[in-house]
Amino acid sequence: MKISVASDGPMVAEHFGHCEGFTVYTVEGKNVEKKEFVQNPGHKPGLLPNLLHDTGVEVVIAGGMGQGAVDIFCSYDIRVITGADGKADDAVAAYLQGKLQSSGPVCHEHAHEGECGH
């Protein structure tokens, strides 16, 4: 399984579309076998969900995410977890232990200064 975390450095990004990039974890069972960083190529509607789908991601973790991205991920049967914060590694560990549930808002408006208008 592959899990992608919208990341700003080692931390979970507040907003999926405006993150520095995506830390992609390849997981076997409950163990992380590989971790790689994919630079965010830009925030254009539909681009990022399709990019992550093409890399084989099955779970996406972020602080917040727009409804359009959520809808695209859902169309691919990719699980979306919002409301995460802290270190990306810790978020993945919590997810693998069944302790990370989606609790964050889905963003309906964007304030493009890096803040999400929840």
N, C-alpha and C. Protein backbone atom coordinates (compact mmCIF):
# COMPACT_ATOMS: atom_id res chain seq x y z
N MET A 1 0.85 -1.18 0.00
CA MET A 1 0.00 0.00 0.00
C MET A 1 0.89 1.23 0.00
N LYS A 2 0.40 2.29 -0.65
CA LYS A 2 1.10 3.58 -0.61
C LYS A 2 0.21 4.61 0.08
N ILE A 3 0.85 5.35 0.98
CA ILE A 3 0.18 6.43 1.71
C ILE A 3 0.92 7.72 1.38
N SER A 4 0.17 8.75 1.01
CA SER A 4 0.76 10.04 0.71
C SER A 4 0.35 11.05 1.77
N VAL A 5 1.32 11.80 2.27
CA VAL A 5 1.05 12.86 3.24
C VAL A 5 1.42 14.19 2.61
N ALA A 6 0.46 15.11 2.52
CA ALA A 6 0.76 16.47 2.07
C ALA A 6 1.70 17.06 3.11
N SER A 7 2.89 17.47 2.66
CA SER A 7 3.95 17.82 3.60
C SER A 7 4.57 19.19 3.34
N ASP A 8 4.90 19.85 4.44
CA ASP A 8 5.75 21.04 4.44
C ASP A 8 6.94 20.65 5.29
N GLY A 9 8.04 20.32 4.64
CA GLY A 9 9.18 19.76 5.36
C GLY A 9 8.75 18.44 5.96
N PRO A 10 9.11 18.19 7.23
CA PRO A 10 8.73 16.92 7.85
C PRO A 10 7.31 16.93 8.43
N MET A 11 6.61 18.05 8.31
CA MET A 11 5.31 18.22 8.95
C MET A 11 4.15 18.03 7.98
N VAL A 12 3.00 17.62 8.51
CA VAL A 12 1.77 17.55 7.72
C VAL A 12 1.39 18.97 7.35
N ALA A 13 1.12 19.20 6.07
CA ALA A 13 0.73 20.53 5.60
C ALA A 13 -0.71 20.85 6.02
N GLU A 14 -0.94 22.12 6.30
CA GLU A 14 -2.29 22.55 6.66
C GLU A 14 -3.26 22.40 5.50
N HIS A 15 -2.79 22.62 4.29
CA HIS A 15 -3.68 22.54 3.13
C HIS A 15 -3.03 21.72 2.03
N PHE A 16 -3.72 20.72 1.59
CA PHE A 16 -3.26 19.78 0.57
C PHE A 16 -2.69 20.47 -0.68
N GLY A 17 -3.44 21.36 -1.29
CA GLY A 17 -3.05 21.94 -2.56
C GLY A 17 -1.89 22.91 -2.50
N HIS A 18 -1.60 23.45 -1.32
CA HIS A 18 -0.55 24.45 -1.19
C HIS A 18 0.69 23.92 -0.48
N CYS A 19 0.81 22.61 -0.35
CA CYS A 19 1.96 22.03 0.35
C CYS A 19 3.21 22.09 -0.52
N GLU A 20 4.38 21.90 0.14
CA GLU A 20 5.64 21.84 -0.60
C GLU A 20 5.69 20.61 -1.49
N GLY A 21 5.12 19.53 -0.99
CA GLY A 21 5.13 18.28 -1.74
C GLY A 21 4.47 17.18 -0.96
N PHE A 22 4.72 15.95 -1.39
CA PHE A 22 4.04 14.80 -0.82
C PHE A 22 5.07 13.76 -0.40
N THR A 23 5.03 13.39 0.87
CA THR A 23 5.85 12.30 1.34
C THR A 23 5.05 11.03 1.09
N VAL A 24 5.59 10.15 0.25
CA VAL A 24 4.89 8.93 -0.13
C VAL A 24 5.57 7.75 0.57
N TYR A 25 4.78 7.05 1.35
CA TYR A 25 5.24 5.91 2.13
C TYR A 25 4.76 4.62 1.47
N THR A 26 5.68 3.70 1.21
CA THR A 26 5.30 2.37 0.76
C THR A 26 5.28 1.48 1.99
N VAL A 27 4.14 0.85 2.22
CA VAL A 27 3.90 0.12 3.46
C VAL A 27 3.63 -1.35 3.14
N GLU A 28 4.25 -2.24 3.91
CA GLU A 28 3.96 -3.67 3.88
C GLU A 28 3.44 -4.03 5.26
N GLY A 29 2.20 -4.47 5.33
CA GLY A 29 1.59 -4.74 6.64
C GLY A 29 1.49 -3.45 7.42
N LYS A 30 2.20 -3.37 8.52
CA LYS A 30 2.22 -2.14 9.33
C LYS A 30 3.60 -1.52 9.37
N ASN A 31 4.45 -1.93 8.43
CA ASN A 31 5.83 -1.44 8.40
C ASN A 31 6.08 -0.58 7.17
N VAL A 32 6.71 0.57 7.38
CA VAL A 32 7.10 1.44 6.28
C VAL A 32 8.36 0.85 5.65
N GLU A 33 8.27 0.50 4.39
CA GLU A 33 9.40 -0.10 3.67
C GLU A 33 10.21 0.96 2.92
N LYS A 34 9.54 2.03 2.50
CA LYS A 34 10.20 3.05 1.68
C LYS A 34 9.49 4.37 1.89
N LYS A 35 10.26 5.45 1.82
CA LYS A 35 9.70 6.80 1.95
C LYS A 35 10.38 7.67 0.91
N GLU A 36 9.58 8.39 0.12
CA GLU A 36 10.14 9.29 -0.89
C GLU A 36 9.33 10.58 -0.92
N PHE A 37 9.96 11.64 -1.41
CA PHE A 37 9.31 12.95 -1.48
C PHE A 37 9.06 13.31 -2.94
N VAL A 38 7.83 13.73 -3.21
CA VAL A 38 7.44 14.17 -4.56
C VAL A 38 7.10 15.66 -4.46
N GLN A 39 7.84 16.48 -5.18
CA GLN A 39 7.62 17.93 -5.17
C GLN A 39 6.23 18.26 -5.73
N ASN A 40 5.56 19.22 -5.12
CA ASN A 40 4.26 19.69 -5.62
C ASN A 40 4.49 20.45 -6.93
N PRO A 41 3.93 19.97 -8.05
CA PRO A 41 4.16 20.63 -9.33
C PRO A 41 3.30 21.88 -9.52
N GLY A 42 2.40 22.17 -8.59
CA GLY A 42 1.56 23.36 -8.70
C GLY A 42 0.12 23.05 -8.36
N HIS A 43 -0.59 24.07 -7.98
CA HIS A 43 -1.98 23.91 -7.54
C HIS A 43 -2.91 24.24 -8.69
N LYS A 44 -3.32 23.22 -9.43
CA LYS A 44 -4.29 23.37 -10.51
C LYS A 44 -5.39 22.35 -10.26
N PRO A 45 -6.65 22.72 -10.44
CA PRO A 45 -7.74 21.78 -10.16
C PRO A 45 -7.54 20.43 -10.86
N GLY A 46 -7.59 19.37 -10.05
CA GLY A 46 -7.51 18.02 -10.56
C GLY A 46 -6.10 17.48 -10.75
N LEU A 47 -5.11 18.33 -10.85
CA LEU A 47 -3.74 17.88 -11.14
C LEU A 47 -3.19 16.96 -10.05
N LEU A 48 -3.25 17.38 -8.81
CA LEU A 48 -2.61 16.63 -7.73
C LEU A 48 -3.30 15.29 -7.45
N PRO A 49 -4.63 15.23 -7.39
CA PRO A 49 -5.25 13.92 -7.18
C PRO A 49 -4.91 12.93 -8.30
N ASN A 50 -4.87 13.40 -9.53
CA ASN A 50 -4.54 12.51 -10.64
C ASN A 50 -3.08 12.08 -10.58
N LEU A 51 -2.18 12.99 -10.20
CA LEU A 51 -0.77 12.66 -10.05
C LEU A 51 -0.58 11.57 -9.00
N LEU A 52 -1.21 11.73 -7.84
CA LEU A 52 -1.06 10.75 -6.77
C LEU A 52 -1.71 9.42 -7.14
N HIS A 53 -2.84 9.47 -7.81
CA HIS A 53 -3.47 8.24 -8.30
C HIS A 53 -2.52 7.48 -9.22
N ASP A 54 -1.87 8.22 -10.12
CA ASP A 54 -0.96 7.59 -11.09
C ASP A 54 0.26 6.96 -10.41
N THR A 55 0.60 7.40 -9.18
CA THR A 55 1.73 6.81 -8.46
C THR A 55 1.29 5.62 -7.60
N GLY A 56 0.00 5.30 -7.61
CA GLY A 56 -0.49 4.14 -6.88
C GLY A 56 -0.88 4.39 -5.44
N VAL A 57 -1.07 5.65 -5.07
CA VAL A 57 -1.44 5.99 -3.69
C VAL A 57 -2.86 5.49 -3.40
N GLU A 58 -3.04 4.92 -2.19
CA GLU A 58 -4.34 4.42 -1.75
C GLU A 58 -4.94 5.22 -0.61
N VAL A 59 -4.09 6.00 0.09
CA VAL A 59 -4.53 6.83 1.22
C VAL A 59 -3.82 8.17 1.12
N VAL A 60 -4.56 9.27 1.35
CA VAL A 60 -3.98 10.60 1.37
C VAL A 60 -4.31 11.23 2.71
N ILE A 61 -3.27 11.79 3.35
CA ILE A 61 -3.41 12.44 4.65
C ILE A 61 -3.01 13.91 4.50
N ALA A 62 -3.84 14.81 5.04
CA ALA A 62 -3.57 16.25 4.97
C ALA A 62 -4.24 16.94 6.14
N GLY A 63 -3.86 18.20 6.34
CA GLY A 63 -4.55 19.01 7.34
C GLY A 63 -5.95 19.35 6.85
N GLY A 64 -6.04 19.92 5.66
CA GLY A 64 -7.31 20.27 5.04
C GLY A 64 -7.22 20.05 3.54
N MET A 65 -8.39 19.96 2.91
CA MET A 65 -8.42 19.68 1.48
C MET A 65 -9.73 20.21 0.90
N GLY A 66 -9.67 20.69 -0.33
CA GLY A 66 -10.86 21.18 -1.01
C GLY A 66 -11.77 20.05 -1.45
N GLN A 67 -13.04 20.35 -1.57
CA GLN A 67 -14.03 19.34 -1.94
C GLN A 67 -13.76 18.74 -3.32
N GLY A 68 -13.25 19.54 -4.25
CA GLY A 68 -12.96 19.02 -5.58
C GLY A 68 -11.93 17.91 -5.54
N ALA A 69 -10.87 18.11 -4.77
CA ALA A 69 -9.84 17.08 -4.63
C ALA A 69 -10.41 15.84 -3.95
N VAL A 70 -11.20 16.05 -2.91
CA VAL A 70 -11.83 14.92 -2.20
C VAL A 70 -12.68 14.11 -3.18
N ASP A 71 -13.46 14.79 -4.00
CA ASP A 71 -14.32 14.09 -4.96
C ASP A 71 -13.52 13.27 -5.95
N ILE A 72 -12.40 13.82 -6.44
CA ILE A 72 -11.57 13.07 -7.39
C ILE A 72 -10.96 11.84 -6.71
N PHE A 73 -10.43 12.03 -5.51
CA PHE A 73 -9.87 10.89 -4.78
C PHE A 73 -10.93 9.81 -4.56
N CYS A 74 -12.13 10.23 -4.19
CA CYS A 74 -13.22 9.27 -3.97
C CYS A 74 -13.56 8.51 -5.24
N SER A 75 -13.49 9.18 -6.38
CA SER A 75 -13.79 8.51 -7.65
C SER A 75 -12.77 7.42 -7.96
N TYR A 76 -11.58 7.53 -7.38
CA TYR A 76 -10.53 6.52 -7.55
C TYR A 76 -10.49 5.53 -6.38
N ASP A 77 -11.43 5.63 -5.45
CA ASP A 77 -11.44 4.81 -4.24
C ASP A 77 -10.19 4.99 -3.40
N ILE A 78 -9.69 6.23 -3.36
CA ILE A 78 -8.55 6.58 -2.52
C ILE A 78 -9.10 7.20 -1.23
N ARG A 79 -8.68 6.68 -0.09
CA ARG A 79 -9.17 7.16 1.20
C ARG A 79 -8.53 8.49 1.53
N VAL A 80 -9.32 9.44 1.99
CA VAL A 80 -8.85 10.78 2.35
C VAL A 80 -9.00 10.96 3.86
N ILE A 81 -7.91 11.36 4.50
CA ILE A 81 -7.90 11.68 5.93
C ILE A 81 -7.52 13.14 6.06
N THR A 82 -8.43 13.97 6.58
CA THR A 82 -8.13 15.37 6.85
C THR A 82 -8.14 15.60 8.35
N GLY A 83 -7.56 16.71 8.75
CA GLY A 83 -7.49 17.06 10.17
C GLY A 83 -6.21 16.62 10.83
N ALA A 84 -5.29 16.06 10.05
CA ALA A 84 -4.01 15.61 10.61
C ALA A 84 -3.10 16.80 10.84
N ASP A 85 -2.20 16.65 11.81
CA ASP A 85 -1.18 17.67 12.05
C ASP A 85 0.04 17.00 12.67
N GLY A 86 1.07 17.76 12.90
CA GLY A 86 2.30 17.21 13.47
C GLY A 86 3.20 16.64 12.40
N LYS A 87 4.08 15.74 12.79
CA LYS A 87 5.04 15.15 11.87
C LYS A 87 4.35 14.14 10.95
N ALA A 88 4.75 14.16 9.68
CA ALA A 88 4.18 13.23 8.70
C ALA A 88 4.42 11.78 9.12
N ASP A 89 5.63 11.48 9.59
CA ASP A 89 5.94 10.11 10.03
C ASP A 89 4.99 9.66 11.14
N ASP A 90 4.69 10.56 12.07
CA ASP A 90 3.80 10.23 13.18
C ASP A 90 2.37 10.01 12.69
N ALA A 91 1.94 10.80 11.71
CA ALA A 91 0.59 10.64 11.16
C ALA A 91 0.44 9.28 10.49
N VAL A 92 1.45 8.86 9.75
CA VAL A 92 1.40 7.55 9.09
C VAL A 92 1.40 6.44 10.14
N ALA A 93 2.24 6.57 11.14
CA ALA A 93 2.27 5.56 12.21
C ALA A 93 0.91 5.46 12.90
N ALA A 94 0.29 6.59 13.18
CA ALA A 94 -1.03 6.58 13.82
C ALA A 94 -2.07 5.94 12.89
N TYR A 95 -2.00 6.23 11.60
CA TYR A 95 -2.93 5.63 10.65
C TYR A 95 -2.77 4.11 10.64
N LEU A 96 -1.54 3.64 10.60
CA LEU A 96 -1.28 2.20 10.54
C LEU A 96 -1.72 1.50 11.83
N GLN A 97 -1.76 2.22 12.94
CA GLN A 97 -2.22 1.67 14.21
C GLN A 97 -3.73 1.82 14.38
N GLY A 98 -4.40 2.41 13.37
CA GLY A 98 -5.84 2.59 13.45
C GLY A 98 -6.26 3.74 14.34
N LYS A 99 -5.32 4.64 14.64
CA LYS A 99 -5.59 5.75 15.56
C LYS A 99 -5.82 7.09 14.87
N LEU A 100 -5.71 7.13 13.55
CA LEU A 100 -5.90 8.39 12.83
C LEU A 100 -7.17 8.30 12.01
N GLN A 101 -8.12 9.15 12.35
CA GLN A 101 -9.39 9.21 11.64
C GLN A 101 -9.55 10.61 11.06
N SER A 102 -10.31 10.70 10.00
CA SER A 102 -10.56 11.99 9.39
C SER A 102 -11.42 12.83 10.32
N SER A 103 -10.88 13.97 10.72
CA SER A 103 -11.61 14.83 11.66
C SER A 103 -11.56 16.29 11.24
N GLY A 104 -10.87 16.57 10.17
CA GLY A 104 -10.69 17.96 9.77
C GLY A 104 -11.72 18.40 8.77
N PRO A 105 -11.74 19.68 8.55
CA PRO A 105 -12.71 20.24 7.62
C PRO A 105 -12.30 19.99 6.17
N VAL A 106 -13.29 19.93 5.34
CA VAL A 106 -13.08 20.00 3.91
C VAL A 106 -13.26 21.46 3.56
N CYS A 107 -12.32 22.00 2.81
CA CYS A 107 -12.32 23.42 2.51
C CYS A 107 -13.26 23.71 1.35
N HIS A 108 -14.11 24.69 1.54
CA HIS A 108 -15.06 25.06 0.49
C HIS A 108 -14.66 26.35 -0.20
N GLU A 109 -13.81 27.11 0.42
CA GLU A 109 -13.29 28.34 -0.18
C GLU A 109 -11.80 28.39 0.08
N HIS A 110 -11.08 29.08 -0.80
CA HIS A 110 -9.65 29.17 -0.61
C HIS A 110 -9.22 30.61 -0.41
N ALA A 111 -8.40 30.82 0.59
CA ALA A 111 -7.72 32.09 0.78
C ALA A 111 -6.28 31.80 0.37
N HIS A 112 -5.93 32.16 -0.83
CA HIS A 112 -4.69 31.69 -1.43
C HIS A 112 -3.41 32.27 -0.83
N GLU A 113 -3.47 32.72 0.40
CA GLU A 113 -2.24 33.09 1.09
C GLU A 113 -1.74 31.93 1.93
N GLY A 114 -2.10 30.70 1.57
CA GLY A 114 -1.67 29.54 2.32
C GLY A 114 -2.60 29.18 3.47
N GLU A 115 -3.66 29.90 3.61
CA GLU A 115 -4.63 29.63 4.66
C GLU A 115 -5.87 29.03 4.02
N CYS A 116 -6.56 28.22 4.77
CA CYS A 116 -7.74 27.59 4.25
C CYS A 116 -8.97 28.28 4.84
N GLY A 117 -9.89 28.70 4.00
CA GLY A 117 -11.12 29.34 4.48
C GLY A 117 -12.17 28.29 4.79
N HIS A 118 -12.09 27.70 5.99
CA HIS A 118 -13.00 26.63 6.36
C HIS A 118 -14.39 27.19 6.57
